[in-house]
């Protein structure tokens, strides 16, 4: 039976989404790195699912029921980071934002793992981030970004910055890029954070 891979993500609010997208596209234009712009600006909430085509409806109904009582909460982008890592045993380079994972974001990630139907992989160490460029970014371009990007960011993207995470999306790959398949709003959709989930 054919399967569909779905990733589980959340999108920043519109004003941040647009500014992050502009930075991603500017980096891609200058460096030729394309991997990050195949996705919308997002944070991964959990590794995704690999679902038989006939089971997608049941999977989504179960996920929606699992999340029915979850409230929105605040997330904190704590730093702009640049680091080298291994991808398929070869050096690769990451440029992007890292988020504070302790508290509500870590708890939400753990809660999502309680619904592990058709999980694509086993649970891994969770390091929430928002990518600007990675995987196909060349070392020379990475070093240039490390030296110059911080001074070029708009004020709204200078860490620390915050938003209320109130949405969850399943995205799928169309063959050209990742696009929305299904989404939901957490809690009452008022955009307020649950008790104990404010950084500011």
N, C-alpha and C. Protein backbone atom coordinates (compact mmCIF):
# COMPACT_ATOMS: atom_id res chain seq x y z
N UNK A 1 0.84 -1.20 0.00
CA UNK A 1 0.00 0.00 0.00
C UNK A 1 0.87 1.24 0.00
N UNK A 2 0.49 2.23 -0.79
CA UNK A 2 1.23 3.49 -0.84
C UNK A 2 1.14 4.21 0.49
N UNK A 3 2.18 4.94 0.82
CA UNK A 3 2.22 5.70 2.07
C UNK A 3 2.46 7.17 1.79
N UNK A 4 2.11 8.01 2.75
CA UNK A 4 2.37 9.44 2.67
C UNK A 4 3.14 9.86 3.91
N UNK A 5 4.22 10.59 3.70
CA UNK A 5 4.99 11.13 4.81
C UNK A 5 4.45 12.51 5.17
N UNK A 6 4.14 12.69 6.45
CA UNK A 6 3.67 13.98 6.95
C UNK A 6 4.59 14.45 8.06
N UNK A 7 5.00 15.71 8.03
CA UNK A 7 5.80 16.29 9.10
C UNK A 7 4.88 17.12 10.01
N UNK A 8 5.24 17.19 11.29
CA UNK A 8 4.40 17.84 12.30
C UNK A 8 5.11 19.12 12.73
N UNK A 9 4.53 20.28 12.37
CA UNK A 9 5.22 21.56 12.55
C UNK A 9 4.25 22.62 13.08
N UNK A 10 4.82 23.75 13.45
CA UNK A 10 4.03 24.93 13.79
C UNK A 10 4.63 26.14 13.09
N UNK A 11 3.78 27.06 12.66
CA UNK A 11 4.21 28.25 11.93
C UNK A 11 4.22 29.47 12.85
N UNK A 12 5.20 30.35 12.70
CA UNK A 12 5.18 31.61 13.45
C UNK A 12 4.00 32.48 13.01
N UNK A 13 3.65 33.49 13.80
CA UNK A 13 2.58 34.40 13.40
C UNK A 13 2.97 35.17 12.14
N UNK A 14 1.98 35.73 11.42
CA UNK A 14 2.23 36.29 10.09
C UNK A 14 3.37 37.31 10.01
N UNK A 15 3.46 38.22 10.98
CA UNK A 15 4.50 39.26 10.86
C UNK A 15 5.90 38.66 10.97
N UNK A 16 6.08 37.66 11.82
CA UNK A 16 7.38 36.99 11.91
C UNK A 16 7.59 36.06 10.73
N UNK A 17 6.56 35.34 10.33
CA UNK A 17 6.63 34.43 9.19
C UNK A 17 7.18 35.15 7.96
N UNK A 18 6.64 36.32 7.65
CA UNK A 18 7.04 37.05 6.44
C UNK A 18 8.48 37.54 6.53
N UNK A 19 8.88 38.02 7.71
CA UNK A 19 10.25 38.51 7.85
C UNK A 19 11.26 37.37 7.78
N UNK A 20 10.94 36.24 8.39
CA UNK A 20 11.84 35.07 8.33
C UNK A 20 11.94 34.57 6.91
N UNK A 21 10.81 34.51 6.22
CA UNK A 21 10.81 34.06 4.82
C UNK A 21 11.68 34.96 3.94
N UNK A 22 11.62 36.26 4.17
CA UNK A 22 12.46 37.19 3.40
C UNK A 22 13.94 36.88 3.62
N UNK A 23 14.32 36.62 4.87
CA UNK A 23 15.72 36.31 5.17
C UNK A 23 16.12 34.99 4.51
N UNK A 24 15.28 33.96 4.62
CA UNK A 24 15.57 32.68 3.97
C UNK A 24 15.79 32.86 2.47
N UNK A 25 14.89 33.60 1.83
CA UNK A 25 14.97 33.78 0.38
C UNK A 25 16.18 34.61 -0.02
N UNK A 26 16.55 35.59 0.80
CA UNK A 26 17.74 36.39 0.51
C UNK A 26 18.99 35.53 0.59
N UNK A 27 19.07 34.69 1.63
CA UNK A 27 20.21 33.78 1.77
C UNK A 27 20.27 32.81 0.59
N UNK A 28 19.11 32.26 0.23
CA UNK A 28 19.06 31.31 -0.88
C UNK A 28 19.51 31.97 -2.19
N UNK A 29 19.07 33.20 -2.42
CA UNK A 29 19.44 33.91 -3.65
C UNK A 29 20.95 34.15 -3.70
N UNK A 30 21.54 34.52 -2.56
CA UNK A 30 22.96 34.83 -2.53
C UNK A 30 23.85 33.60 -2.59
N UNK A 31 23.39 32.49 -2.00
CA UNK A 31 24.26 31.32 -1.84
C UNK A 31 23.90 30.15 -2.74
N UNK A 32 22.68 30.14 -3.24
CA UNK A 32 22.21 28.99 -4.01
C UNK A 32 21.70 27.85 -3.17
N UNK A 33 21.76 27.98 -1.84
CA UNK A 33 21.25 26.94 -0.94
C UNK A 33 19.72 26.94 -1.00
N UNK A 34 19.12 25.78 -1.29
CA UNK A 34 17.68 25.71 -1.54
C UNK A 34 16.90 24.92 -0.50
N UNK A 35 17.57 24.12 0.31
CA UNK A 35 16.85 23.20 1.19
C UNK A 35 15.86 23.91 2.11
N UNK A 36 16.29 24.98 2.76
CA UNK A 36 15.43 25.64 3.74
C UNK A 36 14.20 26.27 3.11
N UNK A 37 14.30 26.76 1.88
CA UNK A 37 13.16 27.43 1.27
C UNK A 37 12.15 26.45 0.66
N UNK A 38 12.44 25.16 0.73
CA UNK A 38 11.44 24.17 0.33
C UNK A 38 10.33 24.04 1.37
N UNK A 39 10.60 24.54 2.57
CA UNK A 39 9.65 24.51 3.69
C UNK A 39 9.16 25.93 3.99
N UNK A 40 8.02 26.06 4.64
CA UNK A 40 7.66 27.36 5.19
C UNK A 40 8.52 27.62 6.43
N UNK A 41 8.70 28.87 6.85
CA UNK A 41 9.32 29.10 8.15
C UNK A 41 8.53 28.36 9.23
N UNK A 42 9.21 27.55 10.03
CA UNK A 42 8.48 26.71 10.99
C UNK A 42 9.40 26.21 12.08
N UNK A 43 8.79 25.67 13.13
CA UNK A 43 9.53 24.85 14.08
C UNK A 43 8.93 23.45 14.02
N UNK A 44 9.80 22.46 14.01
CA UNK A 44 9.34 21.07 14.03
C UNK A 44 8.90 20.74 15.46
N UNK A 45 7.71 20.17 15.58
CA UNK A 45 7.19 19.82 16.90
C UNK A 45 7.52 18.39 17.28
N UNK A 46 7.65 17.53 16.28
CA UNK A 46 7.97 16.12 16.50
C UNK A 46 8.31 15.52 15.16
N UNK A 47 9.17 14.49 15.14
CA UNK A 47 9.37 13.79 13.88
C UNK A 47 8.03 13.29 13.38
N UNK A 48 7.87 13.23 12.08
CA UNK A 48 6.56 13.03 11.48
C UNK A 48 6.09 11.58 11.45
N UNK A 49 5.18 11.33 10.53
CA UNK A 49 4.55 10.02 10.43
C UNK A 49 4.61 9.54 8.99
N UNK A 50 4.66 8.25 8.81
CA UNK A 50 4.62 7.61 7.49
C UNK A 50 3.36 6.75 7.49
N UNK A 51 2.32 7.22 6.78
CA UNK A 51 0.97 6.71 6.97
C UNK A 51 0.48 6.03 5.68
N UNK A 52 -0.07 4.82 5.79
CA UNK A 52 -0.72 4.22 4.62
C UNK A 52 -1.83 5.14 4.11
N UNK A 53 -1.95 5.27 2.79
CA UNK A 53 -2.90 6.21 2.20
C UNK A 53 -4.32 6.03 2.75
N UNK A 54 -4.74 4.81 2.97
CA UNK A 54 -6.09 4.58 3.45
C UNK A 54 -6.30 4.88 4.93
N UNK A 55 -5.22 5.19 5.65
CA UNK A 55 -5.29 5.42 7.09
C UNK A 55 -5.15 6.88 7.47
N UNK A 56 -4.97 7.77 6.49
CA UNK A 56 -4.68 9.18 6.81
C UNK A 56 -5.83 9.83 7.57
N UNK A 57 -7.06 9.58 7.16
CA UNK A 57 -8.20 10.16 7.85
C UNK A 57 -8.26 9.73 9.30
N UNK A 58 -8.04 8.44 9.55
CA UNK A 58 -8.05 7.93 10.93
C UNK A 58 -6.92 8.53 11.74
N UNK A 59 -5.75 8.68 11.11
CA UNK A 59 -4.61 9.27 11.80
C UNK A 59 -4.93 10.71 12.23
N UNK A 60 -5.50 11.50 11.33
CA UNK A 60 -5.79 12.90 11.63
C UNK A 60 -6.88 13.01 12.70
N UNK A 61 -7.90 12.19 12.63
CA UNK A 61 -8.95 12.23 13.66
C UNK A 61 -8.37 11.91 15.04
N UNK A 62 -7.48 10.93 15.07
CA UNK A 62 -6.85 10.56 16.34
C UNK A 62 -5.97 11.68 16.88
N UNK A 63 -5.20 12.32 15.99
CA UNK A 63 -4.34 13.42 16.41
C UNK A 63 -5.17 14.59 16.92
N UNK A 64 -6.23 14.92 16.21
CA UNK A 64 -7.09 16.03 16.63
C UNK A 64 -7.71 15.75 18.00
N UNK A 65 -8.15 14.53 18.22
CA UNK A 65 -8.71 14.17 19.53
C UNK A 65 -7.65 14.24 20.62
N UNK A 66 -6.43 13.80 20.30
CA UNK A 66 -5.33 13.82 21.26
C UNK A 66 -5.01 15.25 21.71
N UNK A 67 -5.19 16.21 20.80
CA UNK A 67 -4.82 17.61 21.07
C UNK A 67 -6.00 18.47 21.49
N UNK A 68 -7.16 17.87 21.66
CA UNK A 68 -8.39 18.64 21.86
C UNK A 68 -8.32 19.58 23.05
N UNK A 69 -7.63 19.21 24.11
CA UNK A 69 -7.62 20.03 25.32
C UNK A 69 -6.32 20.79 25.53
N UNK A 70 -5.47 20.84 24.53
CA UNK A 70 -4.20 21.56 24.67
C UNK A 70 -4.39 23.04 24.40
N UNK A 71 -3.77 23.87 25.23
CA UNK A 71 -3.90 25.32 25.12
C UNK A 71 -2.68 25.91 24.40
N UNK A 72 -2.84 27.08 23.77
CA UNK A 72 -1.68 27.79 23.22
C UNK A 72 -0.66 28.11 24.32
N UNK A 73 0.60 28.29 23.93
CA UNK A 73 1.63 28.64 24.91
C UNK A 73 2.70 29.47 24.21
N UNK A 74 3.48 30.17 25.01
CA UNK A 74 4.50 31.06 24.46
C UNK A 74 5.80 30.30 24.21
N UNK A 75 6.47 30.63 23.11
CA UNK A 75 7.80 30.09 22.83
C UNK A 75 8.79 31.25 22.77
N UNK A 76 10.04 30.92 23.05
CA UNK A 76 11.11 31.92 23.09
C UNK A 76 12.22 31.53 22.13
N UNK A 77 12.50 32.40 21.17
CA UNK A 77 13.67 32.25 20.31
C UNK A 77 14.84 32.88 21.05
N UNK A 78 15.82 32.05 21.39
CA UNK A 78 16.86 32.53 22.31
C UNK A 78 18.15 32.99 21.64
N UNK A 79 18.43 32.50 20.42
CA UNK A 79 19.73 32.85 19.82
C UNK A 79 19.73 32.60 18.31
N UNK A 80 20.59 33.34 17.62
CA UNK A 80 20.94 33.05 16.24
C UNK A 80 22.20 32.19 16.29
N UNK A 81 22.15 31.01 15.68
CA UNK A 81 23.23 30.04 15.84
C UNK A 81 23.83 29.66 14.48
N UNK A 82 25.12 29.32 14.51
CA UNK A 82 25.86 28.84 13.35
C UNK A 82 26.69 27.64 13.81
N UNK A 83 26.48 26.47 13.22
CA UNK A 83 27.29 25.34 13.64
C UNK A 83 27.42 24.32 12.51
N UNK A 84 28.48 23.52 12.63
CA UNK A 84 28.74 22.43 11.69
C UNK A 84 28.19 21.14 12.28
N UNK A 85 27.65 20.27 11.43
CA UNK A 85 27.14 18.98 11.88
C UNK A 85 27.38 17.95 10.78
N UNK A 86 27.09 16.71 11.05
CA UNK A 86 27.27 15.65 10.06
C UNK A 86 25.93 15.31 9.42
N UNK A 87 25.92 15.24 8.09
CA UNK A 87 24.76 14.77 7.35
C UNK A 87 25.22 13.66 6.42
N UNK A 88 24.74 12.44 6.68
CA UNK A 88 25.17 11.27 5.90
C UNK A 88 26.69 11.16 5.88
N UNK A 89 27.28 11.34 7.06
CA UNK A 89 28.73 11.19 7.28
C UNK A 89 29.57 12.26 6.59
N UNK A 90 28.95 13.32 6.12
CA UNK A 90 29.68 14.43 5.49
C UNK A 90 29.40 15.71 6.27
N UNK A 91 30.36 16.65 6.32
CA UNK A 91 30.12 17.89 7.04
C UNK A 91 29.03 18.73 6.36
N UNK A 92 28.16 19.31 7.17
CA UNK A 92 27.11 20.22 6.70
C UNK A 92 27.06 21.39 7.67
N UNK A 93 26.33 22.44 7.27
CA UNK A 93 26.41 23.70 8.01
C UNK A 93 25.01 24.26 8.22
N UNK A 94 24.74 24.63 9.48
CA UNK A 94 23.43 25.16 9.87
C UNK A 94 23.53 26.63 10.22
N UNK A 95 22.58 27.39 9.70
CA UNK A 95 22.38 28.77 10.10
C UNK A 95 20.90 28.93 10.44
N UNK A 96 20.62 29.43 11.64
CA UNK A 96 19.22 29.60 12.02
C UNK A 96 19.07 29.96 13.49
N UNK A 97 17.84 29.92 13.94
CA UNK A 97 17.51 30.28 15.32
C UNK A 97 17.30 29.03 16.16
N UNK A 98 17.71 29.09 17.42
CA UNK A 98 17.39 28.04 18.37
C UNK A 98 16.38 28.58 19.38
N UNK A 99 15.55 27.67 19.90
CA UNK A 99 14.48 28.04 20.81
C UNK A 99 14.72 27.44 22.19
N UNK A 100 14.21 28.11 23.20
CA UNK A 100 14.22 27.57 24.55
C UNK A 100 13.27 26.38 24.60
N UNK A 101 13.79 25.22 24.98
CA UNK A 101 12.94 24.03 24.92
C UNK A 101 12.36 23.65 26.27
N UNK A 102 12.92 24.15 27.37
CA UNK A 102 12.41 23.77 28.69
C UNK A 102 11.02 24.35 28.90
N UNK A 103 10.23 23.68 29.70
CA UNK A 103 8.89 24.19 30.00
C UNK A 103 7.86 23.69 29.02
N UNK A 104 7.03 24.61 28.53
CA UNK A 104 5.85 24.22 27.75
C UNK A 104 6.19 23.57 26.42
N UNK A 105 7.23 24.04 25.73
CA UNK A 105 7.55 23.46 24.42
C UNK A 105 8.02 22.01 24.58
N UNK A 106 8.87 21.76 25.54
CA UNK A 106 9.32 20.39 25.80
C UNK A 106 8.15 19.49 26.21
N UNK A 107 7.26 20.04 27.04
CA UNK A 107 6.11 19.26 27.49
C UNK A 107 5.18 18.93 26.31
N UNK A 108 5.01 19.89 25.42
CA UNK A 108 4.15 19.67 24.25
C UNK A 108 4.77 18.62 23.33
N UNK A 109 6.07 18.72 23.12
CA UNK A 109 6.78 17.72 22.32
C UNK A 109 6.59 16.32 22.91
N UNK A 110 6.76 16.20 24.22
CA UNK A 110 6.57 14.90 24.87
C UNK A 110 5.13 14.42 24.72
N UNK A 111 4.18 15.33 24.85
CA UNK A 111 2.77 14.96 24.73
C UNK A 111 2.46 14.44 23.32
N UNK A 112 3.05 15.07 22.32
CA UNK A 112 2.84 14.60 20.94
C UNK A 112 3.36 13.18 20.75
N UNK A 113 4.42 12.81 21.48
CA UNK A 113 4.96 11.46 21.36
C UNK A 113 4.04 10.42 21.98
N UNK A 114 3.09 10.87 22.82
CA UNK A 114 2.10 9.92 23.35
C UNK A 114 1.17 9.41 22.25
N UNK A 115 1.12 10.16 21.15
CA UNK A 115 0.36 9.72 19.97
C UNK A 115 1.38 9.32 18.90
N UNK A 116 1.80 8.08 18.92
CA UNK A 116 2.91 7.64 18.06
C UNK A 116 2.47 6.72 16.93
N UNK A 117 1.18 6.77 16.57
CA UNK A 117 0.68 5.96 15.47
C UNK A 117 1.44 6.30 14.18
N UNK A 118 1.97 5.28 13.54
CA UNK A 118 2.72 5.43 12.29
C UNK A 118 3.90 6.39 12.40
N UNK A 119 4.47 6.53 13.57
CA UNK A 119 5.63 7.41 13.73
C UNK A 119 6.73 7.01 12.76
N UNK A 120 7.35 8.00 12.11
CA UNK A 120 8.37 7.71 11.10
C UNK A 120 9.67 7.22 11.72
N UNK A 121 9.95 7.66 12.95
CA UNK A 121 11.21 7.27 13.58
C UNK A 121 10.99 7.15 15.08
N UNK A 122 12.01 6.69 15.78
CA UNK A 122 11.94 6.63 17.23
C UNK A 122 12.19 8.02 17.81
N UNK A 123 11.84 8.19 19.07
CA UNK A 123 12.05 9.47 19.73
C UNK A 123 13.54 9.80 19.79
N UNK A 124 13.87 11.04 19.46
CA UNK A 124 15.26 11.50 19.47
C UNK A 124 15.39 12.71 20.39
N UNK A 125 16.63 13.09 20.68
CA UNK A 125 16.86 14.29 21.46
C UNK A 125 16.26 15.50 20.75
N UNK A 126 15.42 16.24 21.43
CA UNK A 126 14.68 17.34 20.81
C UNK A 126 15.44 18.65 20.98
N UNK A 127 15.82 19.27 19.87
CA UNK A 127 16.50 20.56 19.88
C UNK A 127 15.71 21.50 18.96
N UNK A 128 14.72 22.20 19.49
CA UNK A 128 13.85 23.03 18.63
C UNK A 128 14.63 24.17 17.97
N UNK A 129 14.36 24.36 16.69
CA UNK A 129 15.09 25.36 15.93
C UNK A 129 14.22 25.85 14.77
N UNK A 130 14.68 26.92 14.17
CA UNK A 130 14.03 27.49 12.99
C UNK A 130 15.13 27.76 11.97
N UNK A 131 15.16 26.98 10.92
CA UNK A 131 16.28 27.00 9.97
C UNK A 131 16.19 28.17 9.00
N UNK A 132 17.34 28.79 8.74
CA UNK A 132 17.46 29.78 7.68
C UNK A 132 18.20 29.19 6.48
N UNK A 133 19.17 28.34 6.74
CA UNK A 133 19.89 27.61 5.68
C UNK A 133 20.60 26.43 6.34
N UNK A 134 20.66 25.30 5.63
CA UNK A 134 21.32 24.11 6.17
C UNK A 134 21.47 23.08 5.05
N UNK A 135 22.14 22.02 5.36
CA UNK A 135 22.32 20.85 4.49
C UNK A 135 23.07 21.17 3.19
N UNK A 136 22.51 22.03 2.32
CA UNK A 136 23.18 22.32 1.05
C UNK A 136 23.90 23.67 1.08
N UNK A 137 24.12 24.23 2.26
CA UNK A 137 24.86 25.48 2.41
C UNK A 137 26.36 25.19 2.37
N UNK A 138 27.08 25.85 1.47
CA UNK A 138 28.52 25.63 1.35
C UNK A 138 29.28 26.30 2.50
N UNK A 139 30.45 25.75 2.83
CA UNK A 139 31.21 26.25 3.97
C UNK A 139 31.56 27.73 3.80
N UNK A 140 31.99 28.13 2.61
CA UNK A 140 32.37 29.52 2.39
C UNK A 140 31.18 30.46 2.66
N UNK A 141 30.01 30.07 2.19
CA UNK A 141 28.82 30.90 2.42
C UNK A 141 28.42 30.87 3.90
N UNK A 142 28.56 29.72 4.54
CA UNK A 142 28.29 29.61 5.97
C UNK A 142 29.17 30.57 6.77
N UNK A 143 30.44 30.60 6.46
CA UNK A 143 31.36 31.48 7.18
C UNK A 143 31.01 32.94 6.96
N UNK A 144 30.60 33.28 5.75
CA UNK A 144 30.20 34.65 5.46
C UNK A 144 28.94 35.03 6.25
N UNK A 145 27.98 34.11 6.32
CA UNK A 145 26.78 34.37 7.11
C UNK A 145 27.12 34.52 8.59
N UNK A 146 28.01 33.69 9.08
CA UNK A 146 28.40 33.76 10.49
C UNK A 146 29.00 35.12 10.83
N UNK A 147 29.71 35.70 9.87
CA UNK A 147 30.36 36.98 10.11
C UNK A 147 29.43 38.17 9.93
N UNK A 148 28.38 38.02 9.11
CA UNK A 148 27.63 39.21 8.70
C UNK A 148 26.12 39.18 8.95
N UNK A 149 25.54 38.01 9.10
CA UNK A 149 24.08 37.94 9.10
C UNK A 149 23.45 38.70 10.26
N UNK A 150 24.03 38.59 11.44
CA UNK A 150 23.41 39.20 12.62
C UNK A 150 23.16 40.69 12.42
N UNK A 151 24.10 41.37 11.81
CA UNK A 151 23.97 42.83 11.61
C UNK A 151 22.96 43.17 10.52
N UNK A 152 22.59 42.18 9.71
CA UNK A 152 21.66 42.41 8.61
C UNK A 152 20.21 42.06 8.94
N UNK A 153 19.98 41.44 10.10
CA UNK A 153 18.63 41.04 10.46
C UNK A 153 17.75 42.24 10.80
N UNK A 154 16.47 42.20 10.44
CA UNK A 154 15.56 43.26 10.89
C UNK A 154 15.41 43.21 12.41
N UNK A 155 15.06 44.31 13.01
CA UNK A 155 14.97 44.39 14.46
C UNK A 155 14.06 43.33 15.06
N UNK A 156 12.98 43.04 14.38
CA UNK A 156 11.99 42.09 14.89
C UNK A 156 12.56 40.68 15.04
N UNK A 157 13.67 40.40 14.34
CA UNK A 157 14.28 39.06 14.39
C UNK A 157 15.56 39.03 15.22
N UNK A 158 15.81 40.05 16.02
CA UNK A 158 16.97 40.02 16.90
C UNK A 158 16.60 39.31 18.20
N UNK A 159 17.19 38.15 18.47
CA UNK A 159 16.84 37.41 19.70
C UNK A 159 17.23 38.19 20.96
N UNK A 160 16.50 37.94 22.05
CA UNK A 160 15.37 37.02 22.13
C UNK A 160 14.09 37.65 21.60
N UNK A 161 13.25 36.83 20.96
CA UNK A 161 11.89 37.26 20.62
C UNK A 161 10.94 36.10 20.87
N UNK A 162 9.66 36.41 20.90
CA UNK A 162 8.66 35.49 21.43
C UNK A 162 7.43 35.48 20.54
N UNK A 163 6.70 34.37 20.59
CA UNK A 163 5.34 34.37 20.05
C UNK A 163 4.51 33.30 20.75
N UNK A 164 3.22 33.37 20.57
CA UNK A 164 2.32 32.37 21.14
C UNK A 164 2.10 31.28 20.10
N UNK A 165 2.49 30.07 20.44
CA UNK A 165 2.32 28.93 19.55
C UNK A 165 0.88 28.44 19.71
N UNK A 166 0.09 28.66 18.67
CA UNK A 166 -1.34 28.33 18.74
C UNK A 166 -1.81 27.49 17.56
N UNK A 167 -0.87 26.91 16.80
CA UNK A 167 -1.26 26.13 15.62
C UNK A 167 -0.37 24.92 15.45
N UNK A 168 -0.92 23.90 14.83
CA UNK A 168 -0.18 22.69 14.47
C UNK A 168 -0.57 22.32 13.06
N UNK A 169 0.43 21.98 12.25
CA UNK A 169 0.20 21.64 10.85
C UNK A 169 0.85 20.32 10.49
N UNK A 170 0.21 19.60 9.59
CA UNK A 170 0.83 18.48 8.89
C UNK A 170 1.16 18.95 7.48
N UNK A 171 2.42 18.84 7.10
CA UNK A 171 2.85 19.22 5.75
C UNK A 171 3.32 17.97 5.02
N UNK A 172 3.17 17.98 3.69
CA UNK A 172 3.63 16.87 2.87
C UNK A 172 4.43 17.41 1.69
N UNK A 173 5.29 16.55 1.14
CA UNK A 173 6.15 16.96 0.03
C UNK A 173 5.45 16.67 -1.29
N UNK A 174 5.35 17.69 -2.15
CA UNK A 174 4.62 17.56 -3.40
C UNK A 174 5.50 17.06 -4.54
N UNK A 175 6.80 16.95 -4.29
CA UNK A 175 7.76 16.66 -5.35
C UNK A 175 8.61 17.86 -5.67
N UNK A 176 8.11 19.06 -5.30
CA UNK A 176 8.86 20.30 -5.50
C UNK A 176 9.11 21.03 -4.18
N UNK A 177 8.14 21.01 -3.27
CA UNK A 177 8.29 21.68 -1.99
C UNK A 177 7.29 21.08 -1.00
N UNK A 178 7.42 21.49 0.27
CA UNK A 178 6.51 21.04 1.31
C UNK A 178 5.31 21.98 1.38
N UNK A 179 4.10 21.40 1.36
CA UNK A 179 2.87 22.19 1.39
C UNK A 179 1.93 21.67 2.46
N UNK A 180 1.00 22.52 2.88
CA UNK A 180 0.07 22.18 3.94
C UNK A 180 -0.86 21.05 3.50
N UNK A 181 -1.06 20.08 4.40
CA UNK A 181 -2.02 19.00 4.17
C UNK A 181 -3.22 19.14 5.10
N UNK A 182 -2.95 19.49 6.36
CA UNK A 182 -4.01 19.64 7.35
C UNK A 182 -3.47 20.48 8.50
N UNK A 183 -4.33 21.26 9.15
CA UNK A 183 -3.89 22.04 10.29
C UNK A 183 -5.00 22.26 11.28
N UNK A 184 -4.62 22.68 12.50
CA UNK A 184 -5.61 22.97 13.54
C UNK A 184 -5.09 24.08 14.44
N UNK A 185 -6.01 24.76 15.10
CA UNK A 185 -5.69 25.76 16.10
C UNK A 185 -5.81 25.14 17.47
N UNK A 186 -4.86 25.42 18.34
CA UNK A 186 -4.90 24.86 19.68
C UNK A 186 -5.89 25.62 20.56
N UNK A 187 -6.56 24.90 21.44
CA UNK A 187 -7.41 25.51 22.45
C UNK A 187 -8.52 26.35 21.89
N UNK A 188 -8.74 27.49 22.50
CA UNK A 188 -9.89 28.34 22.17
C UNK A 188 -9.61 29.26 21.00
N UNK A 189 -8.39 29.22 20.44
CA UNK A 189 -7.96 30.06 19.31
C UNK A 189 -7.98 31.54 19.64
N UNK A 190 -7.89 31.89 20.94
CA UNK A 190 -7.84 33.30 21.33
C UNK A 190 -6.43 33.86 21.20
N UNK A 191 -5.45 32.99 20.99
CA UNK A 191 -4.06 33.44 20.89
C UNK A 191 -3.42 33.70 22.24
N UNK A 192 -4.06 33.31 23.34
CA UNK A 192 -3.47 33.53 24.66
C UNK A 192 -2.70 32.28 25.07
N UNK A 193 -1.72 32.46 25.93
CA UNK A 193 -0.92 31.33 26.40
C UNK A 193 -1.55 30.75 27.66
N UNK A 194 -1.37 29.45 27.83
CA UNK A 194 -1.87 28.78 29.03
C UNK A 194 -1.11 29.22 30.27
N UNK A 195 -1.67 28.94 31.41
CA UNK A 195 -1.07 29.35 32.68
C UNK A 195 0.34 28.79 32.82
N UNK A 196 1.27 29.64 33.26
CA UNK A 196 2.64 29.20 33.49
C UNK A 196 3.48 29.12 32.25
N UNK A 197 2.98 29.61 31.11
CA UNK A 197 3.71 29.47 29.85
C UNK A 197 4.15 30.80 29.26
N UNK A 198 4.36 31.79 30.10
CA UNK A 198 4.87 33.07 29.63
C UNK A 198 6.34 33.23 30.01
N UNK A 199 7.14 33.73 29.08
CA UNK A 199 8.51 34.11 29.39
C UNK A 199 8.60 35.58 29.77
N UNK A 200 7.64 36.39 29.27
CA UNK A 200 7.70 37.84 29.51
C UNK A 200 6.51 38.28 30.33
